[in-house]
C-alpha atoms as a PDB file:
ATOM      1  CA  MET A   1     -26.231 -77.786 -33.524  1.00  0.00           C
ATOM      2  CA  PRO A   2     -25.326 -76.193 -36.896  1.00  0.00           C
ATOM      3  CA  LEU A   3     -22.389 -77.887 -38.646  1.00  0.00           C
ATOM      4  CA  LYS A   4     -20.264 -74.726 -38.496  1.00  0.00           C
ATOM      5  CA  GLN A   5     -20.737 -74.466 -34.737  1.00  0.00           C
ATOM      6  CA  GLU A   6     -20.134 -78.194 -34.284  1.00  0.00           C
ATOM      7  CA  LEU A   7     -16.841 -78.048 -36.202  1.00  0.00           C
ATOM      8  CA  GLU A   8     -15.712 -75.093 -34.113  1.00  0.00           C
ATOM      9  CA  THR A   9     -16.619 -76.902 -30.883  1.00  0.00           C
ATOM     10  CA  GLN A  10     -14.735 -80.002 -32.018  1.00  0.00           C
ATOM     11  CA  GLY A  11     -11.747 -77.872 -33.001  1.00  0.00           C
ATOM     12  CA  ASN A  12     -11.583 -76.132 -29.626  1.00  0.00           C
ATOM     13  CA  TRP A  13     -11.789 -79.489 -27.843  1.00  0.00           C
ATOM     14  CA  LEU A  14      -9.087 -81.046 -30.029  1.00  0.00           C
ATOM     15  CA  PHE A  15      -6.846 -78.019 -29.519  1.00  0.00           C
ATOM     16  CA  ARG A  16      -7.119 -78.330 -25.763  1.00  0.00           C
ATOM     17  CA  TYR A  17      -6.073 -82.006 -25.909  1.00  0.00           C
ATOM     18  CA  ARG A  18      -3.720 -81.792 -28.910  1.00  0.00           C
ATOM     19  CA  SER A  19      -0.771 -82.981 -26.785  1.00  0.00           C
ATOM     20  CA  PHE A  20      -2.276 -86.485 -26.906  1.00  0.00           C
ATOM     21  CA  LEU A  21      -1.724 -86.751 -30.678  1.00  0.00           C
ATOM     22  CA  PRO A  22       1.990 -87.591 -30.305  1.00  0.00           C
ATOM     23  CA  ILE A  23       1.140 -90.320 -27.787  1.00  0.00           C
ATOM     24  CA  ILE A  24      -1.343 -91.894 -30.213  1.00  0.00           C
ATOM     25  CA  VAL A  25       1.112 -91.718 -33.127  1.00  0.00           C
ATOM     26  CA  LEU A  26       3.947 -93.130 -31.018  1.00  0.00           C
ATOM     27  CA  ALA A  27       1.859 -96.021 -29.657  1.00  0.00           C
ATOM     28  CA  LEU A  28       0.483 -97.021 -33.061  1.00  0.00           C
ATOM     29  CA  GLY A  29       3.831 -96.493 -34.764  1.00  0.00           C
ATOM     30  CA  LEU A  30       5.641 -98.677 -32.246  1.00  0.00           C
ATOM     31  CA  GLY A  31       3.034-101.390 -32.771  1.00  0.00           C
ATOM     32  CA  VAL A  32       3.522-101.309 -36.539  1.00  0.00           C
ATOM     33  CA  PHE A  33       7.315-101.182 -36.175  1.00  0.00           C
ATOM     34  CA  ILE A  34       7.383-104.190 -33.835  1.00  0.00           C
ATOM     35  CA  GLN A  35       5.115-106.118 -36.205  1.00  0.00           C
ATOM     36  CA  ASN A  36       7.503-105.389 -39.077  1.00  0.00           C
ATOM     37  CA  VAL A  37      10.437-106.595 -36.992  1.00  0.00           C
ATOM     38  CA  LEU A  38       8.672-109.855 -36.164  1.00  0.00           C
ATOM     39  CA  LEU A  39       7.553-110.557 -39.734  1.00  0.00           C
ATOM     40  CA  LYS A  40      10.767-109.664 -41.570  1.00  0.00           C
ATOM     41  CA  ASN A  41      14.009-111.567 -41.601  1.00  0.00           C
ATOM     42  CA  ASP A  42      16.019-108.489 -42.522  1.00  0.00           C
ATOM     43  CA  ASN A  43      14.404-105.828 -40.342  1.00  0.00           C
ATOM     44  CA  ASP A  44      17.160-103.207 -40.412  1.00  0.00           C
ATOM     45  CA  CYS A  45      16.323-100.305 -42.671  1.00  0.00           C
ATOM     46  CA  SER A  46      19.190 -98.670 -44.523  1.00  0.00           C
ATOM     47  CA  LEU A  47      21.192 -95.872 -42.986  1.00  0.00           C
ATOM     48  CA  PHE A  48      20.135 -93.637 -45.882  1.00  0.00           C
ATOM     49  CA  PHE A  49      16.445 -94.206 -45.115  1.00  0.00           C
ATOM     50  CA  GLU A  50      17.001 -93.553 -41.414  1.00  0.00           C
ATOM     51  CA  MET A  51      18.771 -90.295 -42.258  1.00  0.00           C
ATOM     52  CA  LEU A  52      15.897 -89.371 -44.606  1.00  0.00           C
ATOM     53  CA  CYS A  53      13.337 -89.898 -41.826  1.00  0.00           C
ATOM     54  CA  LEU A  54      15.447 -87.837 -39.453  1.00  0.00           C
ATOM     55  CA  ALA A  55      15.879 -85.082 -42.067  1.00  0.00           C
ATOM     56  CA  VAL A  56      12.103 -84.835 -42.566  1.00  0.00           C
ATOM     57  CA  SER A  57      11.599 -84.403 -38.822  1.00  0.00           C
ATOM     58  CA  ILE A  58      14.438 -81.879 -38.570  1.00  0.00           C
ATOM     59  CA  LEU A  59      12.800 -79.881 -41.379  1.00  0.00           C
ATOM     60  CA  GLY A  60       9.659 -79.689 -39.249  1.00  0.00           C
ATOM     61  CA  LEU A  61      11.673 -78.598 -36.221  1.00  0.00           C
ATOM     62  CA  ILE A  62      13.410 -75.878 -38.258  1.00  0.00           C
ATOM     63  CA  ILE A  63      10.028 -74.560 -39.412  1.00  0.00           C
ATOM     64  CA  ARG A  64       8.805 -74.424 -35.812  1.00  0.00           C
ATOM     65  CA  VAL A  65      11.986 -72.757 -34.530  1.00  0.00           C
ATOM     66  CA  TYR A  66      11.848 -70.124 -37.259  1.00  0.00           C
ATOM     67  CA  THR A  67       8.156 -69.465 -36.621  1.00  0.00           C
ATOM     68  CA  VAL A  68       8.403 -69.211 -32.833  1.00  0.00           C
ATOM     69  CA  GLY A  69      11.565 -67.115 -32.973  1.00  0.00           C
ATOM     70  CA  PHE A  70       9.925 -64.400 -35.064  1.00  0.00           C
ATOM     71  CA  THR A  71       6.491 -64.160 -33.421  1.00  0.00           C
ATOM     72  CA  PRO A  72       5.314 -61.559 -30.878  1.00  0.00           C
ATOM     73  CA  HIS A  73       4.045 -62.359 -27.392  1.00  0.00           C
ATOM     74  CA  ASN A  74       0.582 -63.958 -26.987  1.00  0.00           C
ATOM     75  CA  THR A  75       0.282 -65.344 -30.508  1.00  0.00           C
ATOM     76  CA  SER A  76       0.954 -68.571 -32.415  1.00  0.00           C
ATOM     77  CA  GLY A  77      -0.945 -71.199 -30.514  1.00  0.00           C
ATOM     78  CA  ARG A  78       0.012 -70.387 -26.927  1.00  0.00           C
ATOM     79  CA  ASN A  79      -3.586 -70.348 -25.803  1.00  0.00           C
ATOM     80  CA  THR A  80      -4.985 -70.729 -22.316  1.00  0.00           C
ATOM     81  CA  LYS A  81      -7.736 -72.763 -20.695  1.00  0.00           C
ATOM     82  CA  ALA A  82      -9.888 -69.656 -20.916  1.00  0.00           C
ATOM     83  CA  GLY A  83      -9.723 -69.783 -24.710  1.00  0.00           C
ATOM     84  CA  GLN A  84      -7.835 -68.481 -27.717  1.00  0.00           C
ATOM     85  CA  VAL A  85      -5.194 -65.772 -27.296  1.00  0.00           C
ATOM     86  CA  ALA A  86      -4.036 -63.361 -30.005  1.00  0.00           C
ATOM     87  CA  ASP A  87      -3.019 -59.792 -29.226  1.00  0.00           C
ATOM     88  CA  GLU A  88      -2.121 -59.164 -32.863  1.00  0.00           C
ATOM     89  CA  LEU A  89      -2.391 -60.921 -36.205  1.00  0.00           C
ATOM     90  CA  ASN A  90       0.788 -62.456 -37.621  1.00  0.00           C
ATOM     91  CA  THR A  91       0.903 -61.599 -41.333  1.00  0.00           C
ATOM     92  CA  THR A  92       4.619 -61.187 -42.091  1.00  0.00           C
ATOM     93  CA  GLY A  93       7.603 -63.511 -42.160  1.00  0.00           C
ATOM     94  CA  ILE A  94       6.611 -67.141 -42.534  1.00  0.00           C
ATOM     95  CA  TYR A  95       2.984 -66.151 -41.880  1.00  0.00           C
ATOM     96  CA  SER A  96       2.998 -64.334 -45.211  1.00  0.00           C
ATOM     97  CA  THR A  97       3.496 -67.691 -46.970  1.00  0.00           C
ATOM     98  CA  THR A  98       1.179 -69.973 -44.961  1.00  0.00           C
ATOM     99  CA  ARG A  99      -1.476 -69.346 -42.316  1.00  0.00           C
ATOM    100  CA  ASN A 100      -0.433 -72.315 -40.164  1.00  0.00           C
ATOM    101  CA  PRO A 101       3.364 -72.696 -40.126  1.00  0.00           C
ATOM    102  CA  LEU A 102       3.448 -74.332 -36.689  1.00  0.00           C
ATOM    103  CA  TYR A 103       1.115 -77.098 -37.829  1.00  0.00           C
ATOM    104  CA  LEU A 104       3.175 -77.466 -41.002  1.00  0.00           C
ATOM    105  CA  GLY A 105       6.233 -77.952 -38.810  1.00  0.00           C
ATOM    106  CA  ASN A 106       4.385 -80.456 -36.626  1.00  0.00           C
ATOM    107  CA  PHE A 107       3.363 -82.393 -39.729  1.00  0.00           C
ATOM    108  CA  PHE A 108       6.926 -82.903 -40.928  1.00  0.00           C
ATOM    109  CA  MET A 109       8.174 -83.728 -37.431  1.00  0.00           C
ATOM    110  CA  TRP A 110       5.641 -86.530 -37.097  1.00  0.00           C
ATOM    111  CA  LEU A 111       5.816 -87.602 -40.736  1.00  0.00           C
ATOM    112  CA  GLY A 112       9.495 -88.448 -40.262  1.00  0.00           C
ATOM    113  CA  LEU A 113       8.609 -90.635 -37.305  1.00  0.00           C
ATOM    114  CA  ALA A 114       5.746 -92.299 -39.199  1.00  0.00           C
ATOM    115  CA  MET A 115       8.088 -93.057 -42.119  1.00  0.00           C
ATOM    116  CA  PHE A 116      10.443 -94.825 -39.724  1.00  0.00           C
ATOM    117  CA  THR A 117       7.925 -97.681 -39.423  1.00  0.00           C
ATOM    118  CA  GLU A 118       8.634 -98.552 -43.102  1.00  0.00           C
ATOM    119  CA  ASN A 119       4.915 -99.157 -43.545  1.00  0.00           C
ATOM    120  CA  LEU A 120       3.313 -97.265 -46.425  1.00  0.00           C
ATOM    121  CA  TRP A 121      -0.237 -97.794 -45.159  1.00  0.00           C
ATOM    122  CA  PHE A 122       0.668 -96.449 -41.732  1.00  0.00           C
ATOM    123  CA  VAL A 123       2.175 -93.335 -43.322  1.00  0.00           C
ATOM    124  CA  ILE A 124      -0.936 -92.808 -45.471  1.00  0.00           C
ATOM    125  CA  SER A 125      -3.186 -93.344 -42.437  1.00  0.00           C
ATOM    126  CA  PHE A 126      -1.125 -90.863 -40.433  1.00  0.00           C
ATOM    127  CA  VAL A 127      -1.431 -88.191 -43.138  1.00  0.00           C
ATOM    128  CA  PHE A 128      -5.216 -88.689 -43.290  1.00  0.00           C
ATOM    129  CA  PHE A 129      -5.570 -88.661 -39.496  1.00  0.00           C
ATOM    130  CA  TYR A 130      -3.423 -85.538 -39.187  1.00  0.00           C
ATOM    131  CA  TRP A 131      -5.458 -83.757 -41.854  1.00  0.00           C
ATOM    132  CA  VAL A 132      -8.820 -84.539 -40.176  1.00  0.00           C
ATOM    133  CA  TYR A 133      -7.463 -83.753 -36.700  1.00  0.00           C
ATOM    134  CA  TYR A 134      -5.922 -80.396 -37.504  1.00  0.00           C
ATOM    135  CA  GLU A 135      -8.562 -79.350 -40.017  1.00  0.00           C
ATOM    136  CA  ARG A 136     -10.972 -78.864 -37.134  1.00  0.00           C
ATOM    137  CA  ILE A 137      -8.405 -77.107 -34.964  1.00  0.00           C
ATOM    138  CA  VAL A 138      -7.581 -74.700 -37.795  1.00  0.00           C
ATOM    139  CA  PHE A 139     -11.286 -74.088 -38.407  1.00  0.00           C
ATOM    140  CA  ALA A 140     -11.860 -73.138 -34.751  1.00  0.00           C
ATOM    141  CA  GLU A 141      -8.810 -70.871 -34.688  1.00  0.00           C
ATOM    142  CA  GLU A 142      -9.839 -69.099 -37.874  1.00  0.00           C
ATOM    143  CA  GLN A 143     -13.343 -68.475 -36.543  1.00  0.00           C
ATOM    144  CA  PHE A 144     -11.774 -66.795 -33.514  1.00  0.00           C
ATOM    145  CA  LEU A 145      -9.355 -64.722 -35.613  1.00  0.00           C
ATOM    146  CA  GLU A 146     -12.084 -63.607 -38.006  1.00  0.00           C
ATOM    147  CA  ARG A 147     -14.281 -62.449 -35.129  1.00  0.00           C
ATOM    148  CA  LYS A 148     -11.417 -60.590 -33.452  1.00  0.00           C
ATOM    149  CA  PHE A 149      -9.627 -59.012 -36.424  1.00  0.00           C
ATOM    150  CA  GLY A 150     -12.433 -58.819 -38.989  1.00  0.00           C
ATOM    151  CA  GLU A 151     -11.443 -57.410 -42.373  1.00  0.00           C
ATOM    152  CA  GLN A 152      -7.734 -57.465 -41.531  1.00  0.00           C
ATOM    153  CA  TYR A 153      -7.957 -61.232 -41.141  1.00  0.00           C
ATOM    154  CA  THR A 154     -10.128 -61.891 -44.206  1.00  0.00           C
ATOM    155  CA  LYS A 155      -7.822 -59.864 -46.484  1.00  0.00           C
ATOM    156  CA  TRP A 156      -4.828 -61.853 -45.258  1.00  0.00           C
ATOM    157  CA  ALA A 157      -6.639 -65.201 -45.459  1.00  0.00           C
ATOM    158  CA  ASP A 158      -7.880 -64.494 -48.996  1.00  0.00           C
ATOM    159  CA  LYS A 159      -4.349 -64.443 -50.404  1.00  0.00           C
ATOM    160  CA  VAL A 160      -2.298 -66.651 -48.045  1.00  0.00           C
ATOM    161  CA  PRO A 161      -2.747 -70.456 -48.318  1.00  0.00           C
ATOM    162  CA  VAL A 162      -4.014 -72.329 -45.292  1.00  0.00           C
ATOM    163  CA  PHE A 163      -1.228 -74.928 -45.184  1.00  0.00           C
ATOM    164  CA  ILE A 164       1.033 -75.422 -48.228  1.00  0.00           C
ATOM    165  CA  PRO A 165       3.391 -72.398 -48.333  1.00  0.00           C
ATOM    166  CA  ASN A 166       3.562 -70.008 -51.269  1.00  0.00           C
ATOM    167  CA  LEU A 167       7.115 -68.671 -51.024  1.00  0.00           C
ATOM    168  CA  TYR A 168       6.444 -66.007 -53.659  1.00  0.00           C
ATOM    169  CA  LEU A 169       4.250 -64.209 -51.105  1.00  0.00           C
ATOM    170  CA  PHE A 170       7.040 -63.858 -48.527  1.00  0.00           C
ATOM    171  CA  ARG A 171       7.239 -60.496 -46.753  1.00  0.00           C
ATOM    172  CA  ASN A 172      10.010 -59.771 -44.281  1.00  0.00           C
ATOM    173  CA  THR A 173       9.084 -59.202 -40.632  1.00  0.00           C
ATOM    174  CA  HIS A 174      10.063 -56.228 -38.475  1.00  0.00           C
ATOM    175  CA  LEU A 175      10.709 -58.533 -35.511  1.00  0.00           C
ATOM    176  CA  SER A 176      14.138 -59.810 -34.477  1.00  0.00           C
ATOM    177  CA  PHE A 177      14.753 -63.515 -33.970  1.00  0.00           C
ATOM    178  CA  SER A 178      14.470 -64.467 -30.280  1.00  0.00           C
ATOM    179  CA  LEU A 179      16.563 -67.502 -29.370  1.00  0.00           C
ATOM    180  CA  LYS A 180      15.420 -67.153 -25.754  1.00  0.00           C
ATOM    181  CA  LYS A 181      11.788 -67.567 -26.795  1.00  0.00           C
ATOM    182  CA  VAL A 182      12.655 -70.632 -28.868  1.00  0.00           C
ATOM    183  CA  LEU A 183      14.534 -72.266 -25.996  1.00  0.00           C
ATOM    184  CA  LEU A 184      11.704 -71.559 -23.555  1.00  0.00           C
ATOM    185  CA  LYS A 185       8.917 -72.827 -25.804  1.00  0.00           C
ATOM    186  CA  GLU A 186      10.517 -75.585 -27.872  1.00  0.00           C
ATOM    187  CA  LYS A 187      12.973 -77.374 -25.585  1.00  0.00           C
ATOM    188  CA  LYS A 188      10.339 -79.736 -24.164  1.00  0.00           C
ATOM    189  CA  ARG A 189       8.931 -80.580 -27.597  1.00  0.00           C
ATOM    190  CA  THR A 190      12.414 -81.205 -29.005  1.00  0.00           C
ATOM    191  CA  PHE A 191      13.368 -83.471 -26.103  1.00  0.00           C
ATOM    192  CA  CYS A 192      10.164 -85.488 -26.478  1.00  0.00           C
ATOM    193  CA  HIS A 193      10.662 -85.917 -30.209  1.00  0.00           C
ATOM    194  CA  VAL A 194      14.268 -87.058 -29.811  1.00  0.00           C
ATOM    195  CA  SER A 195      13.017 -89.559 -27.213  1.00  0.00           C
ATOM    196  CA  ASP A 196      10.422 -90.829 -29.695  1.00  0.00           C
ATOM    197  CA  PHE A 197      13.108 -91.527 -32.289  1.00  0.00           C
ATOM    198  CA  TYR A 198      15.135 -93.301 -29.626  1.00  0.00           C
ATOM    199  CA  CYS A 199      12.174 -95.637 -29.030  1.00  0.00           C
ATOM    200  CA  PHE A 200      12.499 -96.832 -32.621  1.00  0.00           C
END
């Protein structure tokens, strides 16, 4: 199988089972956290550091809420078992600054939790794992978008960064913010993430 096709296949598979990533991070993070507690006499991290970890995760949640609230129906990762879904290409709003704002939000949400372990090597390992994991998902999604939207997609992708936002490129969207959509799509994720912090 050609490498390009293999990466796309891996990306589609990882996307389908992407909900297992939080479970892996939580299990490993709890293991590292418990080990730190057992090995350290003073195992309570400062309130400032706890608030910093929480702030990083809240930043990720804000990014996700903003993204979901301003996106049209059948876009932004709500795909089905039958495959990718995208009725139109998101190119305005936050999508004019980064091609993957939802994954950027996910990164900060889980980075805050990883930081809570107070283990630098775990944080570094998480960043590397996240990069490899989502690199393939993004690759598969972009193959789909390029096939469906052609030149419209390539023109947008040529100027908008894949992950790190370029705020100078921001273009306002014609859509209105939908709180109802946010509540429907993000309430479960938010509850799960709050529960994860409670575990620590």
